[in-house]
Amino acid sequence: MRNFDLNLLRALRALLEKQDVQAAAMHIGVPVTAMDAMLTRLREAFSDPLLVQSSHGTVVTERAKLIAEAVERIFEELDRLTMLQRT
């Protein structure tokens, strides 16, 4: 993960929130094909499918739920850091 693209965290956050590639793409303003490619990269980086299809629609994996918690902490810290910069 040394060369992990931190921009993927924004995509991951949207994917886990929306649980739909098209909705996540619209949410962050990227083409669906780009979001699909980002999901592929995220799956490879985390060695997990993250989102899977079930009879009830798309489901977030257990590992993705843990990752989501960590991602939220990262975004909270980034928000805190940018607030420090403004003061």
PDB file of N, CA and C in Angstrom:
ATOM      1  N   MET A   1       0.811  -1.206   0.000  1.00  0.00           N
ATOM      2  CA  MET A   1       0.000   0.000   0.000  1.00  0.00           C
ATOM      3  C   MET A   1       0.843   1.254   0.000  1.00  0.00           C
ATOM      4  N   ARG A   2       2.106   1.113  -0.149  1.00  0.00           N
ATOM      5  CA  ARG A   2       2.998   2.259  -0.126  1.00  0.00           C
ATOM      6  C   ARG A   2       2.606   3.315  -1.169  1.00  0.00           C
ATOM      7  N   ASN A   3       2.171   2.895  -2.334  1.00  0.00           N
ATOM      8  CA  ASN A   3       1.804   3.819  -3.399  1.00  0.00           C
ATOM      9  C   ASN A   3       0.296   3.971  -3.537  1.00  0.00           C
ATOM     10  N   PHE A   4      -0.425   3.844  -2.444  1.00  0.00           N
ATOM     11  CA  PHE A   4      -1.883   3.944  -2.473  1.00  0.00           C
ATOM     12  C   PHE A   4      -2.308   5.357  -2.848  1.00  0.00           C
ATOM     13  N   ASP A   5      -3.218   5.450  -3.794  1.00  0.00           N
ATOM     14  CA  ASP A   5      -3.753   6.738  -4.244  1.00  0.00           C
ATOM     15  C   ASP A   5      -4.814   7.194  -3.243  1.00  0.00           C
ATOM     16  N   LEU A   6      -4.512   8.242  -2.499  1.00  0.00           N
ATOM     17  CA  LEU A   6      -5.451   8.696  -1.469  1.00  0.00           C
ATOM     18  C   LEU A   6      -6.763   9.216  -2.040  1.00  0.00           C
ATOM     19  N   ASN A   7      -6.777   9.570  -3.317  1.00  0.00           N
ATOM     20  CA  ASN A   7      -8.030   9.984  -3.954  1.00  0.00           C
ATOM     21  C   ASN A   7      -9.025   8.832  -4.005  1.00  0.00           C
ATOM     22  N   LEU A   8      -8.516   7.615  -3.927  1.00  0.00           N
ATOM     23  CA  LEU A   8      -9.411   6.462  -3.921  1.00  0.00           C
ATOM     24  C   LEU A   8     -10.265   6.408  -2.658  1.00  0.00           C
ATOM     25  N   LEU A   9      -9.800   7.023  -1.586  1.00  0.00           N
ATOM     26  CA  LEU A   9     -10.588   7.023  -0.346  1.00  0.00           C
ATOM     27  C   LEU A   9     -11.901   7.774  -0.529  1.00  0.00           C
ATOM     28  N   ARG A  10     -11.859   8.822  -1.304  1.00  0.00           N
ATOM     29  CA  ARG A  10     -13.087   9.573  -1.592  1.00  0.00           C
ATOM     30  C   ARG A  10     -14.074   8.692  -2.360  1.00  0.00           C
ATOM     31  N   ALA A  11     -13.546   7.953  -3.327  1.00  0.00           N
ATOM     32  CA  ALA A  11     -14.383   7.035  -4.099  1.00  0.00           C
ATOM     33  C   ALA A  11     -14.916   5.924  -3.198  1.00  0.00           C
ATOM     34  N   LEU A  12     -14.060   5.381  -2.344  1.00  0.00           N
ATOM     35  CA  LEU A  12     -14.477   4.317  -1.442  1.00  0.00           C
ATOM     36  C   LEU A  12     -15.587   4.789  -0.514  1.00  0.00           C
ATOM     37  N   ARG A  13     -15.423   5.974   0.002  1.00  0.00           N
ATOM     38  CA  ARG A  13     -16.434   6.539   0.900  1.00  0.00           C
ATOM     39  C   ARG A  13     -17.788   6.624   0.193  1.00  0.00           C
ATOM     40  N   ALA A  14     -17.781   7.108  -1.045  1.00  0.00           N
ATOM     41  CA  ALA A  14     -19.022   7.230  -1.817  1.00  0.00           C
ATOM     42  C   ALA A  14     -19.604   5.854  -2.147  1.00  0.00           C
ATOM     43  N   LEU A  15     -18.752   4.917  -2.521  1.00  0.00           N
ATOM     44  CA  LEU A  15     -19.226   3.567  -2.849  1.00  0.00           C
ATOM     45  C   LEU A  15     -19.880   2.895  -1.656  1.00  0.00           C
ATOM     46  N   LEU A  16     -19.263   3.018  -0.500  1.00  0.00           N
ATOM     47  CA  LEU A  16     -19.808   2.364   0.690  1.00  0.00           C
ATOM     48  C   LEU A  16     -21.073   3.061   1.181  1.00  0.00           C
ATOM     49  N   GLU A  17     -21.145   4.360   0.970  1.00  0.00           N
ATOM     50  CA  GLU A  17     -22.347   5.098   1.365  1.00  0.00           C
ATOM     51  C   GLU A  17     -23.510   4.801   0.427  1.00  0.00           C
ATOM     52  N   LYS A  18     -23.255   4.868  -0.863  1.00  0.00           N
ATOM     53  CA  LYS A  18     -24.322   4.711  -1.866  1.00  0.00           C
ATOM     54  C   LYS A  18     -24.612   3.254  -2.206  1.00  0.00           C
ATOM     55  N   GLN A  19     -23.627   2.391  -2.031  1.00  0.00           N
ATOM     56  CA  GLN A  19     -23.732   0.971  -2.351  1.00  0.00           C
ATOM     57  C   GLN A  19     -24.195   0.751  -3.791  1.00  0.00           C
ATOM     58  N   ASP A  20     -23.745   1.631  -4.673  1.00  0.00           N
ATOM     59  CA  ASP A  20     -24.098   1.561  -6.084  1.00  0.00           C
ATOM     60  C   ASP A  20     -23.041   2.339  -6.866  1.00  0.00           C
ATOM     61  N   VAL A  21     -22.463   1.709  -7.867  1.00  0.00           N
ATOM     62  CA  VAL A  21     -21.382   2.345  -8.621  1.00  0.00           C
ATOM     63  C   VAL A  21     -21.865   3.611  -9.319  1.00  0.00           C
ATOM     64  N   GLN A  22     -23.012   3.543  -9.966  1.00  0.00           N
ATOM     65  CA  GLN A  22     -23.518   4.713 -10.686  1.00  0.00           C
ATOM     66  C   GLN A  22     -23.840   5.871  -9.735  1.00  0.00           C
ATOM     67  N   ALA A  23     -24.490   5.577  -8.618  1.00  0.00           N
ATOM     68  CA  ALA A  23     -24.832   6.627  -7.651  1.00  0.00           C
ATOM     69  C   ALA A  23     -23.568   7.222  -7.030  1.00  0.00           C
ATOM     70  N   ALA A  24     -22.587   6.374  -6.743  1.00  0.00           N
ATOM     71  CA  ALA A  24     -21.329   6.857  -6.171  1.00  0.00           C
ATOM     72  C   ALA A  24     -20.597   7.747  -7.178  1.00  0.00           C
ATOM     73  N   ALA A  25     -20.605   7.348  -8.437  1.00  0.00           N
ATOM     74  CA  ALA A  25     -19.961   8.146  -9.480  1.00  0.00           C
ATOM     75  C   ALA A  25     -20.615   9.521  -9.582  1.00  0.00           C
ATOM     76  N   MET A  26     -21.923   9.542  -9.586  1.00  0.00           N
ATOM     77  CA  MET A  26     -22.638  10.825  -9.649  1.00  0.00           C
ATOM     78  C   MET A  26     -22.339  11.668  -8.420  1.00  0.00           C
ATOM     79  N   HIS A  27     -22.260  11.030  -7.271  1.00  0.00           N
ATOM     80  CA  HIS A  27     -22.028  11.731  -6.004  1.00  0.00           C
ATOM     81  C   HIS A  27     -20.707  12.500  -6.000  1.00  0.00           C
ATOM     82  N   ILE A  28     -19.659  11.904  -6.565  1.00  0.00           N
ATOM     83  CA  ILE A  28     -18.366  12.598  -6.568  1.00  0.00           C
ATOM     84  C   ILE A  28     -18.022  13.200  -7.928  1.00  0.00           C
ATOM     85  N   GLY A  29     -18.923  13.061  -8.898  1.00  0.00           N
ATOM     86  CA  GLY A  29     -18.747  13.738 -10.172  1.00  0.00           C
ATOM     87  C   GLY A  29     -17.724  13.118 -11.105  1.00  0.00           C
ATOM     88  N   VAL A  30     -17.738  11.799 -11.186  1.00  0.00           N
ATOM     89  CA  VAL A  30     -16.847  11.109 -12.123  1.00  0.00           C
ATOM     90  C   VAL A  30     -17.692  10.197 -13.006  1.00  0.00           C
ATOM     91  N   PRO A  31     -17.183   9.856 -14.181  1.00  0.00           N
ATOM     92  CA  PRO A  31     -17.915   8.907 -15.036  1.00  0.00           C
ATOM     93  C   PRO A  31     -18.021   7.532 -14.372  1.00  0.00           C
ATOM     94  N   VAL A  32     -19.060   6.809 -14.702  1.00  0.00           N
ATOM     95  CA  VAL A  32     -19.272   5.476 -14.146  1.00  0.00           C
ATOM     96  C   VAL A  32     -18.086   4.571 -14.465  1.00  0.00           C
ATOM     97  N   THR A  33     -17.535   4.697 -15.657  1.00  0.00           N
ATOM     98  CA  THR A  33     -16.384   3.854 -16.024  1.00  0.00           C
ATOM     99  C   THR A  33     -15.192   4.136 -15.115  1.00  0.00           C
ATOM    100  N   ALA A  34     -15.007   5.388 -14.743  1.00  0.00           N
ATOM    101  CA  ALA A  34     -13.908   5.742 -13.828  1.00  0.00           C
ATOM    102  C   ALA A  34     -14.165   5.164 -12.443  1.00  0.00           C
ATOM    103  N   MET A  35     -15.403   5.251 -11.984  1.00  0.00           N
ATOM    104  CA  MET A  35     -15.736   4.697 -10.659  1.00  0.00           C
ATOM    105  C   MET A  35     -15.578   3.181 -10.672  1.00  0.00           C
ATOM    106  N   ASP A  36     -15.957   2.552 -11.755  1.00  0.00           N
ATOM    107  CA  ASP A  36     -15.787   1.111 -11.883  1.00  0.00           C
ATOM    108  C   ASP A  36     -14.305   0.734 -11.797  1.00  0.00           C
ATOM    109  N   ALA A  37     -13.468   1.518 -12.454  1.00  0.00           N
ATOM    110  CA  ALA A  37     -12.019   1.268 -12.406  1.00  0.00           C
ATOM    111  C   ALA A  37     -11.475   1.500 -10.994  1.00  0.00           C
ATOM    112  N   MET A  38     -11.981   2.525 -10.317  1.00  0.00           N
ATOM    113  CA  MET A  38     -11.545   2.783  -8.946  1.00  0.00           C
ATOM    114  C   MET A  38     -11.964   1.649  -8.015  1.00  0.00           C
ATOM    115  N   LEU A  39     -13.174   1.113  -8.222  1.00  0.00           N
ATOM    116  CA  LEU A  39     -13.628  -0.007  -7.402  1.00  0.00           C
ATOM    117  C   LEU A  39     -12.713  -1.216  -7.618  1.00  0.00           C
ATOM    118  N   THR A  40     -12.324  -1.443  -8.839  1.00  0.00           N
ATOM    119  CA  THR A  40     -11.396  -2.546  -9.123  1.00  0.00           C
ATOM    120  C   THR A  40     -10.081  -2.344  -8.390  1.00  0.00           C
ATOM    121  N   ARG A  41      -9.544  -1.131  -8.441  1.00  0.00           N
ATOM    122  CA  ARG A  41      -8.288  -0.832  -7.734  1.00  0.00           C
ATOM    123  C   ARG A  41      -8.440  -0.982  -6.228  1.00  0.00           C
ATOM    124  N   LEU A  42      -9.571  -0.548  -5.689  1.00  0.00           N
ATOM    125  CA  LEU A  42      -9.827  -0.675  -4.262  1.00  0.00           C
ATOM    126  C   LEU A  42      -9.939  -2.134  -3.842  1.00  0.00           C
ATOM    127  N   ARG A  43     -10.614  -2.925  -4.666  1.00  0.00           N
ATOM    128  CA  ARG A  43     -10.738  -4.354  -4.372  1.00  0.00           C
ATOM    129  C   ARG A  43      -9.369  -5.016  -4.323  1.00  0.00           C
ATOM    130  N   GLU A  44      -8.506  -4.634  -5.248  1.00  0.00           N
ATOM    131  CA  GLU A  44      -7.153  -5.187  -5.275  1.00  0.00           C
ATOM    132  C   GLU A  44      -6.347  -4.713  -4.068  1.00  0.00           C
ATOM    133  N   ALA A  45      -6.453  -3.432  -3.749  1.00  0.00           N
ATOM    134  CA  ALA A  45      -5.682  -2.865  -2.641  1.00  0.00           C
ATOM    135  C   ALA A  45      -6.060  -3.489  -1.299  1.00  0.00           C
ATOM    136  N   PHE A  46      -7.354  -3.749  -1.112  1.00  0.00           N
ATOM    137  CA  PHE A  46      -7.825  -4.271   0.168  1.00  0.00           C
ATOM    138  C   PHE A  46      -8.052  -5.784   0.153  1.00  0.00           C
ATOM    139  N   SER A  47      -7.793  -6.418  -0.975  1.00  0.00           N
ATOM    140  CA  SER A  47      -7.993  -7.867  -1.109  1.00  0.00           C
ATOM    141  C   SER A  47      -9.375  -8.295  -0.619  1.00  0.00           C
ATOM    142  N   ASP A  48     -10.383  -7.544  -1.060  1.00  0.00           N
ATOM    143  CA  ASP A  48     -11.758  -7.797  -0.640  1.00  0.00           C
ATOM    144  C   ASP A  48     -12.684  -7.265  -1.730  1.00  0.00           C
ATOM    145  N   PRO A  49     -13.818  -7.919  -1.975  1.00  0.00           N
ATOM    146  CA  PRO A  49     -14.745  -7.405  -2.995  1.00  0.00           C
ATOM    147  C   PRO A  49     -15.435  -6.095  -2.581  1.00  0.00           C
ATOM    148  N   LEU A  50     -15.460  -5.792  -1.306  1.00  0.00           N
ATOM    149  CA  LEU A  50     -16.039  -4.567  -0.737  1.00  0.00           C
ATOM    150  C   LEU A  50     -17.553  -4.487  -0.900  1.00  0.00           C
ATOM    151  N   LEU A  51     -18.034  -4.622  -2.121  1.00  0.00           N
ATOM    152  CA  LEU A  51     -19.463  -4.629  -2.410  1.00  0.00           C
ATOM    153  C   LEU A  51     -19.782  -5.896  -3.177  1.00  0.00           C
ATOM    154  N   VAL A  52     -20.835  -6.599  -2.763  1.00  0.00           N
ATOM    155  CA  VAL A  52     -21.244  -7.818  -3.461  1.00  0.00           C
ATOM    156  C   VAL A  52     -22.746  -7.777  -3.719  1.00  0.00           C
ATOM    157  N   GLN A  53     -23.141  -8.443  -4.782  1.00  0.00           N
ATOM    158  CA  GLN A  53     -24.564  -8.525  -5.115  1.00  0.00           C
ATOM    159  C   GLN A  53     -25.198  -9.660  -4.313  1.00  0.00           C
ATOM    160  N   SER A  54     -26.390  -9.405  -3.807  1.00  0.00           N
ATOM    161  CA  SER A  54     -27.150 -10.438  -3.124  1.00  0.00           C
ATOM    162  C   SER A  54     -28.585 -10.379  -3.641  1.00  0.00           C
ATOM    163  N   SER A  55     -29.418 -11.251  -3.141  1.00  0.00           N
ATOM    164  CA  SER A  55     -30.823 -11.236  -3.557  1.00  0.00           C
ATOM    165  C   SER A  55     -31.533  -9.967  -3.098  1.00  0.00           C
ATOM    166  N   HIS A  56     -30.926  -9.252  -2.149  1.00  0.00           N
ATOM    167  CA  HIS A  56     -31.504  -8.008  -1.626  1.00  0.00           C
ATOM    168  C   HIS A  56     -30.821  -6.772  -2.190  1.00  0.00           C
ATOM    169  N   GLY A  57     -30.012  -6.952  -3.228  1.00  0.00           N
ATOM    170  CA  GLY A  57     -29.285  -5.829  -3.815  1.00  0.00           C
ATOM    171  C   GLY A  57     -27.809  -5.888  -3.445  1.00  0.00           C
ATOM    172  N   THR A  58     -27.163  -4.742  -3.490  1.00  0.00           N
ATOM    173  CA  THR A  58     -25.739  -4.672  -3.181  1.00  0.00           C
ATOM    174  C   THR A  58     -25.540  -4.636  -1.678  1.00  0.00           C
ATOM    175  N   VAL A  59     -24.561  -5.404  -1.217  1.00  0.00           N
ATOM    176  CA  VAL A  59     -24.264  -5.505   0.213  1.00  0.00           C
ATOM    177  C   VAL A  59     -22.795  -5.174   0.437  1.00  0.00           C
ATOM    178  N   VAL A  60     -22.525  -4.447   1.508  1.00  0.00           N
ATOM    179  CA  VAL A  60     -21.159  -4.121   1.905  1.00  0.00           C
ATOM    180  C   VAL A  60     -20.604  -5.306   2.685  1.00  0.00           C
ATOM    181  N   THR A  61     -19.387  -5.735   2.358  1.00  0.00           N
ATOM    182  CA  THR A  61     -18.777  -6.862   3.077  1.00  0.00           C
ATOM    183  C   THR A  61     -18.413  -6.442   4.500  1.00  0.00           C
ATOM    184  N   GLU A  62     -18.204  -7.428   5.345  1.00  0.00           N
ATOM    185  CA  GLU A  62     -17.816  -7.153   6.733  1.00  0.00           C
ATOM    186  C   GLU A  62     -16.484  -6.401   6.780  1.00  0.00           C
ATOM    187  N   ARG A  63     -15.549  -6.815   5.949  1.00  0.00           N
ATOM    188  CA  ARG A  63     -14.252  -6.132   5.904  1.00  0.00           C
ATOM    189  C   ARG A  63     -14.428  -4.682   5.451  1.00  0.00           C
ATOM    190  N   ALA A  64     -15.305  -4.458   4.490  1.00  0.00           N
ATOM    191  CA  ALA A  64     -15.555  -3.093   4.003  1.00  0.00           C
ATOM    192  C   ALA A  64     -16.140  -2.218   5.105  1.00  0.00           C
ATOM    193  N   LYS A  65     -16.957  -2.802   5.971  1.00  0.00           N
ATOM    194  CA  LYS A  65     -17.511  -2.036   7.097  1.00  0.00           C
ATOM    195  C   LYS A  65     -16.397  -1.561   8.028  1.00  0.00           C
ATOM    196  N   LEU A  66     -15.435  -2.432   8.283  1.00  0.00           N
ATOM    197  CA  LEU A  66     -14.290  -2.043   9.117  1.00  0.00           C
ATOM    198  C   LEU A  66     -13.450  -0.974   8.430  1.00  0.00           C
ATOM    199  N   ILE A  67     -13.250  -1.150   7.141  1.00  0.00           N
ATOM    200  CA  ILE A  67     -12.485  -0.173   6.361  1.00  0.00           C
ATOM    201  C   ILE A  67     -13.214   1.167   6.374  1.00  0.00           C
ATOM    202  N   ALA A  68     -14.531   1.135   6.247  1.00  0.00           N
ATOM    203  CA  ALA A  68     -15.331   2.367   6.231  1.00  0.00           C
ATOM    204  C   ALA A  68     -15.149   3.168   7.516  1.00  0.00           C
ATOM    205  N   GLU A  69     -15.095   2.466   8.650  1.00  0.00           N
ATOM    206  CA  GLU A  69     -14.882   3.149   9.928  1.00  0.00           C
ATOM    207  C   GLU A  69     -13.534   3.863   9.935  1.00  0.00           C
ATOM    208  N   ALA A  70     -12.517   3.200   9.436  1.00  0.00           N
ATOM    209  CA  ALA A  70     -11.180   3.799   9.390  1.00  0.00           C
ATOM    210  C   ALA A  70     -11.151   4.975   8.421  1.00  0.00           C
ATOM    211  N   VAL A  71     -11.821   4.842   7.297  1.00  0.00           N
ATOM    212  CA  VAL A  71     -11.865   5.927   6.309  1.00  0.00           C
ATOM    213  C   VAL A  71     -12.551   7.154   6.902  1.00  0.00           C
ATOM    214  N   GLU A  72     -13.614   6.942   7.644  1.00  0.00           N
ATOM    215  CA  GLU A  72     -14.300   8.077   8.283  1.00  0.00           C
ATOM    216  C   GLU A  72     -13.384   8.777   9.272  1.00  0.00           C
ATOM    217  N   ARG A  73     -12.597   8.013  10.012  1.00  0.00           N
ATOM    218  CA  ARG A  73     -11.640   8.624  10.945  1.00  0.00           C
ATOM    219  C   ARG A  73     -10.594   9.436  10.181  1.00  0.00           C
ATOM    220  N   ILE A  74     -10.168   8.931   9.042  1.00  0.00           N
ATOM    221  CA  ILE A  74      -9.198   9.663   8.210  1.00  0.00           C
ATOM    222  C   ILE A  74      -9.800  10.982   7.749  1.00  0.00           C
ATOM    223  N   PHE A  75     -11.037  10.961   7.272  1.00  0.00           N
ATOM    224  CA  PHE A  75     -11.673  12.198   6.814  1.00  0.00           C
ATOM    225  C   PHE A  75     -11.924  13.166   7.962  1.00  0.00           C
ATOM    226  N   GLU A  76     -12.258  12.649   9.126  1.00  0.00           N
ATOM    227  CA  GLU A  76     -12.422  13.518  10.304  1.00  0.00           C
ATOM    228  C   GLU A  76     -11.103  14.201  10.642  1.00  0.00           C
ATOM    229  N   GLU A  77     -10.022  13.458  10.577  1.00  0.00           N
ATOM    230  CA  GLU A  77      -8.702  14.028  10.864  1.00  0.00           C
ATOM    231  C   GLU A  77      -8.317  15.062   9.808  1.00  0.00           C
ATOM    232  N   LEU A  78      -8.612  14.785   8.558  1.00  0.00           N
ATOM    233  CA  LEU A  78      -8.332  15.762   7.497  1.00  0.00           C
ATOM    234  C   LEU A  78      -9.134  17.045   7.711  1.00  0.00           C
ATOM    235  N   ASP A  79     -10.395  16.893   8.100  1.00  0.00           N
ATOM    236  CA  ASP A  79     -11.218  18.075   8.409  1.00  0.00           C
ATOM    237  C   ASP A  79     -10.597  18.870   9.558  1.00  0.00           C
ATOM    238  N   ARG A  80     -10.142  18.155  10.583  1.00  0.00           N
ATOM    239  CA  ARG A  80      -9.516  18.823  11.735  1.00  0.00           C
ATOM    240  C   ARG A  80      -8.254  19.567  11.302  1.00  0.00           C
ATOM    241  N   LEU A  81      -7.464  18.927  10.471  1.00  0.00           N
ATOM    242  CA  LEU A  81      -6.230  19.560   9.996  1.00  0.00           C
ATOM    243  C   LEU A  81      -6.508  20.805   9.157  1.00  0.00           C
ATOM    244  N   THR A  82      -7.523  20.751   8.323  1.00  0.00           N
ATOM    245  CA  THR A  82      -7.822  21.926   7.508  1.00  0.00           C
ATOM    246  C   THR A  82      -8.400  23.045   8.360  1.00  0.00           C
ATOM    247  N   MET A  83      -9.091  22.703   9.452  1.00  0.00           N
ATOM    248  CA  MET A  83      -9.585  23.737  10.358  1.00  0.00           C
ATOM    249  C   MET A  83      -8.417  24.412  11.076  1.00  0.00           C
ATOM    250  N   LEU A  84      -7.393  23.641  11.436  1.00  0.00           N
ATOM    251  CA  LEU A  84      -6.207  24.212  12.079  1.00  0.00           C
ATOM    252  C   LEU A  84      -5.512  25.197  11.154  1.00  0.00           C
ATOM    253  N   GLN A  85      -5.500  24.874   9.896  1.00  0.00           N
ATOM    254  CA  GLN A  85      -4.839  25.726   8.912  1.00  0.00           C
ATOM    255  C   GLN A  85      -5.539  27.081   8.791  1.00  0.00           C
ATOM    256  N   ARG A  86      -6.838  27.114   9.010  1.00  0.00           N
ATOM    257  CA  ARG A  86      -7.619  28.344   8.858  1.00  0.00           C
ATOM    258  C   ARG A  86      -7.507  29.268  10.071  1.00  0.00           C
ATOM    259  N   THR A  87      -7.061  28.726  11.197  1.00  0.00           N
ATOM    260  CA  THR A  87      -7.017  29.555  12.406  1.00  0.00           C
ATOM    261  C   THR A  87      -5.662  30.195  12.602  1.00  0.00           C
TER     262      THR A  87
END
